[in-house]
Amino acid sequence: MIPTRSTILTAGVDTVFHTVCLFSIYLLFAGHNQPGGGFVGGLVAGAAFVLRYASGGSVAVRRAARVDPEDLLGLGLLVSATTGAVPAVLGGAFLESTTWSVDLPVLGTVKTSSTLFFDIGVYLVVVGLVLMVLGVLGGEAEDGGAPTDQRGRDEP
């Protein structure tokens, strides 16, 4: 028997999904001066994908993400580790923070720091991890529902 999807839940998630993702990016960039940052922003983006999973299953999550969770997780680890290692290679301390400011014609002076790149890495790790968990949760239904043991073999 194929379970029916809730029309109200699907319409609600379709309405809210992009707004929640945009809010998670706001939290990522506002995290240096206000509450937020890479971890909180990643959790909010993960919550948006959990909503997508609740309304359409793992197929809807894969369609919305359009990237392999393993690639996202690996890229996030690479960005975070590189952000921490570059100051140490250049003679500073590991994870030493540096601030830059750039004068842009329309926006004026824009300031950023190296902690933003570390937060972007953390954001990618958290989102990748949530997508991996949702993929594992939906994996049984796509395999035909046959139970398997921990080594992937069919149980008798």
Protein backbone atom coordinates (compact mmCIF):
# COMPACT_ATOMS: atom_id res chain seq x y z
CA MET A 1 0.00 0.00 0.00
CA ILE A 2 1.42 3.38 -1.01
CA PRO A 3 0.97 6.02 1.69
CA THR A 4 -0.77 9.20 0.59
CA ARG A 5 0.93 12.53 1.10
CA SER A 6 -0.75 15.39 2.90
CA THR A 7 -1.62 18.16 0.47
CA ILE A 8 -1.66 20.76 3.22
CA LEU A 9 1.78 19.72 4.51
CA THR A 10 3.25 19.69 1.00
CA ALA A 11 1.84 23.13 0.20
CA GLY A 12 3.05 24.52 3.52
CA VAL A 13 6.57 23.15 3.08
CA ASP A 14 6.71 24.41 -0.51
CA THR A 15 5.80 27.87 0.82
CA VAL A 16 8.25 27.93 3.72
CA PHE A 17 11.27 25.96 2.46
CA HIS A 18 13.10 28.72 0.58
CA THR A 19 12.40 31.30 3.28
CA VAL A 20 13.88 29.03 5.96
CA CYS A 21 16.96 28.39 3.80
CA LEU A 22 17.41 32.13 3.26
CA PHE A 23 17.05 32.73 7.01
CA SER A 24 19.74 30.12 7.66
CA ILE A 25 22.12 32.01 5.37
CA TYR A 26 21.28 35.22 7.23
CA LEU A 27 22.15 33.49 10.51
CA LEU A 28 25.43 32.29 8.99
CA PHE A 29 26.53 35.81 8.04
CA ALA A 30 25.12 37.57 11.12
CA GLY A 31 26.79 35.17 13.53
CA HIS A 32 29.80 37.35 14.28
CA ASN A 33 27.91 40.29 15.77
CA GLN A 34 24.67 38.61 16.83
CA PRO A 35 23.54 35.12 17.84
CA GLY A 36 24.01 32.68 15.01
CA GLY A 37 26.92 31.44 12.97
CA GLY A 38 27.72 28.33 11.00
CA PHE A 39 26.33 25.78 13.43
CA VAL A 40 23.03 27.54 14.09
CA GLY A 41 22.58 28.43 10.41
CA GLY A 42 23.33 24.83 9.44
CA LEU A 43 20.77 23.52 11.91
CA VAL A 44 18.10 25.86 10.52
CA ALA A 45 18.91 24.74 6.96
CA GLY A 46 18.82 21.15 8.18
CA ALA A 47 15.39 21.79 9.67
CA ALA A 48 14.22 23.01 6.25
CA PHE A 49 15.38 19.73 4.70
CA VAL A 50 13.68 17.77 7.48
CA LEU A 51 10.45 19.58 6.59
CA ARG A 52 11.03 18.64 2.95
CA TYR A 53 11.59 15.02 4.05
CA ALA A 54 8.35 15.03 6.06
CA SER A 55 6.36 16.23 3.09
CA GLY A 56 7.93 14.27 0.23
CA GLY A 57 10.38 11.68 1.54
CA SER A 58 14.01 11.21 0.62
CA VAL A 59 13.30 11.69 -3.09
CA ALA A 60 12.11 15.25 -2.42
CA VAL A 61 15.19 15.91 -0.28
CA ARG A 62 17.54 14.74 -3.05
CA ARG A 63 15.66 16.86 -5.56
CA ALA A 64 15.92 19.93 -3.30
CA ALA A 65 19.59 19.45 -2.35
CA ARG A 66 21.00 18.64 -5.83
CA VAL A 67 24.39 17.74 -4.31
CA ASP A 68 25.81 14.63 -2.68
CA PRO A 69 25.85 14.97 1.12
CA GLU A 70 29.31 13.38 1.24
CA ASP A 71 30.69 16.07 -1.07
CA LEU A 72 29.12 18.80 1.06
CA LEU A 73 30.51 17.30 4.26
CA GLY A 74 33.99 16.88 2.76
CA LEU A 75 34.04 20.41 1.36
CA GLY A 76 32.98 21.80 4.74
CA LEU A 77 35.75 19.89 6.53
CA LEU A 78 38.27 21.08 3.95
CA VAL A 79 37.22 24.74 4.27
CA SER A 80 37.24 24.64 8.09
CA ALA A 81 40.58 22.85 8.32
CA THR A 82 42.17 25.15 5.74
CA THR A 83 40.89 28.23 7.56
CA GLY A 84 42.50 26.96 10.74
CA ALA A 85 45.75 25.81 9.15
CA VAL A 86 46.58 28.83 6.97
CA PRO A 87 47.45 31.14 9.90
CA ALA A 88 49.63 28.42 11.42
CA VAL A 89 51.52 27.96 8.14
CA LEU A 90 52.02 31.74 7.85
CA GLY A 91 53.59 31.92 11.32
CA GLY A 92 50.54 32.69 13.46
CA ALA A 93 48.52 30.56 15.81
CA PHE A 94 46.12 27.81 14.66
CA LEU A 95 42.65 29.37 14.02
CA GLU A 96 44.02 32.90 14.46
CA SER A 97 41.46 35.42 13.25
CA THR A 98 42.20 38.13 10.70
CA THR A 99 39.96 41.00 9.64
CA TRP A 100 39.79 42.56 6.17
CA SER A 101 37.92 45.63 4.94
CA VAL A 102 37.17 46.52 1.33
CA ASP A 103 35.72 49.76 -0.05
CA LEU A 104 33.03 48.94 -2.60
CA PRO A 105 31.42 51.64 -4.78
CA VAL A 106 27.76 50.99 -3.95
CA LEU A 107 27.96 49.23 -0.58
CA GLY A 108 30.67 51.34 1.03
CA THR A 109 33.15 49.74 3.41
CA VAL A 110 32.58 46.01 3.86
CA LYS A 111 34.39 44.25 6.69
CA THR A 112 34.85 40.50 7.04
CA SER A 113 37.05 38.17 9.01
CA SER A 114 38.57 34.74 8.60
CA THR A 115 36.06 33.35 11.10
CA LEU A 116 33.39 33.76 8.40
CA PHE A 117 35.16 31.13 6.29
CA PHE A 118 35.40 28.80 9.27
CA ASP A 119 31.66 29.28 9.87
CA ILE A 120 30.93 28.52 6.22
CA GLY A 121 32.81 25.24 6.63
CA VAL A 122 30.84 24.38 9.77
CA TYR A 123 27.60 25.28 7.97
CA LEU A 124 28.44 22.90 5.12
CA VAL A 125 29.38 20.11 7.55
CA VAL A 126 26.10 20.40 9.48
CA VAL A 127 23.94 20.55 6.33
CA GLY A 128 25.84 17.62 4.80
CA LEU A 129 25.41 15.57 7.95
CA VAL A 130 21.66 16.25 8.10
CA LEU A 131 21.31 15.30 4.42
CA MET A 132 23.24 12.07 5.06
CA VAL A 133 20.96 11.17 7.97
CA LEU A 134 17.85 11.86 5.88
CA GLY A 135 19.26 9.73 3.07
CA VAL A 136 19.82 6.84 5.45
CA LEU A 137 16.33 7.20 6.90
CA GLY A 138 14.76 7.03 3.45
CA GLY A 139 17.07 4.31 2.14
CA GLU A 140 15.03 1.36 3.39
CA ALA A 141 11.88 2.40 1.54
CA GLU A 142 13.76 2.77 -1.75
CA ASP A 143 15.47 -0.63 -1.41
CA GLY A 144 12.12 -2.37 -1.34
CA GLY A 145 11.83 -2.49 2.43
CA ALA A 146 13.86 -5.66 2.91
CA PRO A 147 15.45 -5.59 6.36
CA THR A 148 19.22 -5.97 6.44
CA ASP A 149 21.71 -6.55 9.23
CA GLN A 150 24.53 -4.11 10.04
CA ARG A 151 26.81 -5.58 7.35
CA GLY A 152 24.19 -5.03 4.62
CA ARG A 153 23.15 -8.68 4.22
CA ASP A 154 19.52 -9.75 4.06
CA GLU A 155 18.20 -11.22 7.28
CA PRO A 156 16.55 -14.68 7.10
